[in-house]
N, C-alpha and C. Protein backbone atom coordinates (compact mmCIF):
# COMPACT_ATOMS: atom_id res chain seq x y z
N UNK A 1 -74.85 -69.02 -43.68
CA UNK A 1 -74.50 -69.18 -45.02
C UNK A 1 -73.21 -69.82 -44.98
N UNK A 2 -73.00 -70.82 -45.75
CA UNK A 2 -71.75 -71.47 -45.90
C UNK A 2 -71.04 -71.19 -47.45
N UNK A 3 -69.98 -70.68 -47.58
CA UNK A 3 -69.46 -70.42 -48.92
C UNK A 3 -68.38 -71.49 -49.18
N UNK A 4 -68.44 -72.00 -50.23
CA UNK A 4 -67.43 -73.29 -50.66
C UNK A 4 -67.02 -73.08 -52.08
N UNK A 5 -66.02 -73.84 -52.34
CA UNK A 5 -65.33 -73.67 -53.79
C UNK A 5 -65.24 -75.18 -54.18
N UNK A 6 -65.67 -75.53 -55.46
CA UNK A 6 -65.31 -76.79 -55.92
C UNK A 6 -64.03 -76.82 -56.56
N UNK A 7 -63.04 -77.24 -56.12
CA UNK A 7 -61.72 -77.30 -56.90
C UNK A 7 -61.57 -77.97 -58.13
N UNK A 8 -62.45 -79.00 -58.26
CA UNK A 8 -62.56 -79.59 -59.59
C UNK A 8 -63.03 -78.76 -60.76
N UNK A 9 -63.73 -77.63 -60.41
CA UNK A 9 -64.24 -76.89 -61.50
C UNK A 9 -63.46 -75.50 -61.54
N UNK A 10 -62.70 -75.20 -60.49
CA UNK A 10 -62.09 -73.88 -60.44
C UNK A 10 -61.04 -73.78 -61.41
N UNK A 11 -61.07 -72.66 -62.27
CA UNK A 11 -59.97 -72.63 -63.29
C UNK A 11 -59.04 -71.33 -63.04
N UNK A 12 -59.17 -70.83 -62.01
CA UNK A 12 -58.18 -69.75 -61.57
C UNK A 12 -58.50 -68.47 -62.12
N UNK A 13 -59.81 -68.17 -62.60
CA UNK A 13 -60.02 -66.98 -63.22
C UNK A 13 -59.80 -65.66 -62.12
N UNK A 14 -60.06 -65.75 -61.04
CA UNK A 14 -59.87 -64.96 -59.90
C UNK A 14 -61.09 -63.86 -60.00
N UNK A 15 -62.19 -64.20 -60.73
CA UNK A 15 -63.27 -63.25 -60.68
C UNK A 15 -63.79 -63.00 -59.07
N UNK A 16 -63.68 -63.95 -58.27
CA UNK A 16 -64.14 -63.92 -56.90
C UNK A 16 -63.36 -62.95 -56.20
N UNK A 17 -62.07 -62.92 -56.50
CA UNK A 17 -61.19 -61.88 -55.81
C UNK A 17 -61.66 -60.57 -56.02
N UNK A 18 -62.10 -60.30 -57.20
CA UNK A 18 -62.32 -58.85 -57.75
C UNK A 18 -63.56 -58.62 -56.98
N UNK A 19 -64.57 -59.58 -56.77
CA UNK A 19 -65.90 -59.34 -56.04
C UNK A 19 -65.71 -59.21 -54.68
N UNK A 20 -64.96 -59.98 -53.99
CA UNK A 20 -64.88 -60.30 -52.61
C UNK A 20 -63.54 -60.51 -52.07
N UNK A 21 -62.61 -59.75 -52.35
CA UNK A 21 -61.23 -59.89 -51.95
C UNK A 21 -61.17 -60.29 -50.30
N UNK A 22 -61.98 -59.66 -49.47
CA UNK A 22 -61.78 -60.23 -48.26
C UNK A 22 -62.23 -61.59 -47.74
N UNK A 23 -63.09 -62.27 -48.78
CA UNK A 23 -63.54 -63.50 -48.46
C UNK A 23 -62.66 -64.66 -49.22
N UNK A 24 -61.97 -64.20 -50.04
CA UNK A 24 -61.08 -65.28 -51.00
C UNK A 24 -59.67 -64.89 -51.05
N UNK A 25 -58.81 -66.02 -51.17
CA UNK A 25 -57.31 -65.88 -51.52
C UNK A 25 -57.06 -66.56 -52.59
N UNK A 26 -55.77 -66.64 -53.01
CA UNK A 26 -55.38 -67.50 -54.19
C UNK A 26 -54.13 -68.34 -54.11
N UNK A 27 -54.23 -69.36 -54.46
CA UNK A 27 -52.90 -70.32 -54.27
C UNK A 27 -52.23 -70.27 -55.64
N UNK A 28 -51.07 -69.59 -55.51
CA UNK A 28 -50.31 -69.51 -56.95
C UNK A 28 -49.80 -70.81 -57.43
N UNK A 29 -49.57 -71.71 -56.52
CA UNK A 29 -48.89 -73.12 -56.57
C UNK A 29 -50.10 -73.88 -57.32
N UNK A 30 -51.15 -74.02 -56.98
CA UNK A 30 -52.24 -74.76 -57.62
C UNK A 30 -53.19 -73.93 -58.54
N UNK A 31 -52.96 -72.67 -58.70
CA UNK A 31 -53.85 -71.87 -59.61
C UNK A 31 -55.40 -72.00 -59.26
N UNK A 32 -55.58 -72.08 -57.94
CA UNK A 32 -57.19 -72.28 -57.50
C UNK A 32 -57.39 -71.25 -56.44
N UNK A 33 -58.64 -70.99 -56.21
CA UNK A 33 -59.11 -69.90 -55.24
C UNK A 33 -58.93 -70.72 -53.96
N UNK A 34 -59.01 -69.87 -52.82
CA UNK A 34 -58.99 -70.43 -51.58
C UNK A 34 -59.99 -69.61 -50.96
N UNK A 35 -60.86 -70.34 -50.06
CA UNK A 35 -61.95 -69.50 -49.35
C UNK A 35 -61.47 -69.23 -47.83
N UNK A 36 -61.27 -67.91 -47.86
CA UNK A 36 -60.56 -67.74 -46.39
C UNK A 36 -61.77 -67.25 -45.37
N UNK A 37 -62.97 -67.13 -45.75
CA UNK A 37 -63.99 -67.03 -44.76
C UNK A 37 -65.16 -67.89 -45.30
N UNK A 38 -65.14 -69.06 -44.86
CA UNK A 38 -66.25 -70.02 -45.20
C UNK A 38 -67.60 -69.66 -44.73
N UNK A 39 -67.82 -68.97 -43.57
CA UNK A 39 -69.06 -68.27 -43.10
C UNK A 39 -69.01 -66.97 -42.95
N UNK A 40 -69.55 -66.26 -44.16
CA UNK A 40 -69.33 -64.74 -44.20
C UNK A 40 -70.50 -64.09 -43.30
N UNK A 41 -69.84 -62.98 -42.71
CA UNK A 41 -70.90 -62.18 -41.95
C UNK A 41 -72.06 -61.50 -42.63
N UNK A 42 -73.07 -61.23 -42.14
CA UNK A 42 -74.24 -60.73 -42.72
C UNK A 42 -73.84 -59.50 -43.88
N UNK A 43 -72.80 -58.63 -43.36
CA UNK A 43 -72.55 -57.59 -44.24
C UNK A 43 -71.41 -58.00 -45.34
N UNK A 44 -71.26 -59.35 -45.36
CA UNK A 44 -70.48 -59.76 -46.55
C UNK A 44 -71.09 -60.63 -47.56
N UNK A 45 -72.43 -60.90 -47.16
CA UNK A 45 -73.13 -61.77 -47.99
C UNK A 45 -73.45 -61.19 -49.51
N UNK A 46 -73.67 -59.81 -49.51
CA UNK A 46 -73.61 -59.29 -50.90
C UNK A 46 -72.51 -59.71 -51.74
N UNK A 47 -71.34 -59.37 -51.23
CA UNK A 47 -70.03 -59.68 -52.01
C UNK A 47 -69.97 -61.13 -52.15
N UNK A 48 -70.29 -62.01 -51.34
CA UNK A 48 -70.28 -63.34 -51.40
C UNK A 48 -71.30 -63.96 -52.57
N UNK A 49 -72.44 -63.32 -52.70
CA UNK A 49 -73.34 -63.76 -53.71
C UNK A 49 -72.80 -63.34 -55.16
N UNK A 50 -72.20 -61.98 -55.18
CA UNK A 50 -71.67 -61.43 -56.34
C UNK A 50 -70.51 -62.42 -56.80
N UNK A 51 -69.57 -62.93 -55.93
CA UNK A 51 -68.65 -63.75 -56.36
C UNK A 51 -69.13 -65.08 -56.90
N UNK A 52 -70.20 -65.67 -56.20
CA UNK A 52 -70.80 -66.94 -56.71
C UNK A 52 -71.52 -66.56 -58.04
N UNK A 53 -72.16 -65.45 -58.24
CA UNK A 53 -72.75 -65.15 -59.66
C UNK A 53 -71.81 -65.07 -60.74
N UNK A 54 -70.77 -64.22 -60.48
CA UNK A 54 -69.80 -64.11 -61.64
C UNK A 54 -68.58 -65.10 -61.74
N UNK A 55 -68.60 -66.07 -60.97
CA UNK A 55 -67.52 -67.11 -61.38
C UNK A 55 -68.03 -67.86 -62.73
N UNK A 56 -66.96 -67.61 -63.65
CA UNK A 56 -67.22 -68.06 -65.04
C UNK A 56 -67.14 -69.75 -65.07
N UNK A 57 -66.59 -70.21 -64.03
CA UNK A 57 -66.48 -71.79 -63.92
C UNK A 57 -67.63 -72.36 -63.18
N UNK A 58 -68.47 -71.56 -62.57
CA UNK A 58 -69.45 -72.08 -61.66
C UNK A 58 -69.08 -72.91 -60.52
N UNK A 59 -67.82 -72.48 -60.00
CA UNK A 59 -67.16 -73.22 -58.96
C UNK A 59 -67.47 -72.81 -57.69
N UNK A 60 -68.22 -71.77 -57.31
CA UNK A 60 -68.64 -71.28 -56.14
C UNK A 60 -70.00 -71.54 -55.74
N UNK A 61 -70.26 -71.72 -54.36
CA UNK A 61 -71.56 -71.95 -53.87
C UNK A 61 -71.94 -71.38 -52.50
N UNK A 62 -72.96 -70.79 -52.33
CA UNK A 62 -73.30 -70.21 -50.95
C UNK A 62 -74.57 -70.91 -50.40
N UNK A 63 -74.53 -71.70 -49.43
CA UNK A 63 -75.73 -72.64 -49.16
C UNK A 63 -76.01 -72.21 -47.59
N UNK A 64 -77.36 -72.54 -47.21
CA UNK A 64 -77.70 -72.34 -45.89
C UNK A 64 -77.24 -73.31 -45.12
């Protein structure tokens, strides 16, 4: 599974950091999320799915 962010949609709400802090970082200069782990391990997929689900800007995706 591949985790990605559409920086054109990201509004810097940081909900992904609340759901999966081990997978995401935040760039204070651009006010946008940074994907730290683009290919989450099996035990991280639940947190990755929650981050995608709760992103208010629909900027995250998790694809095969």
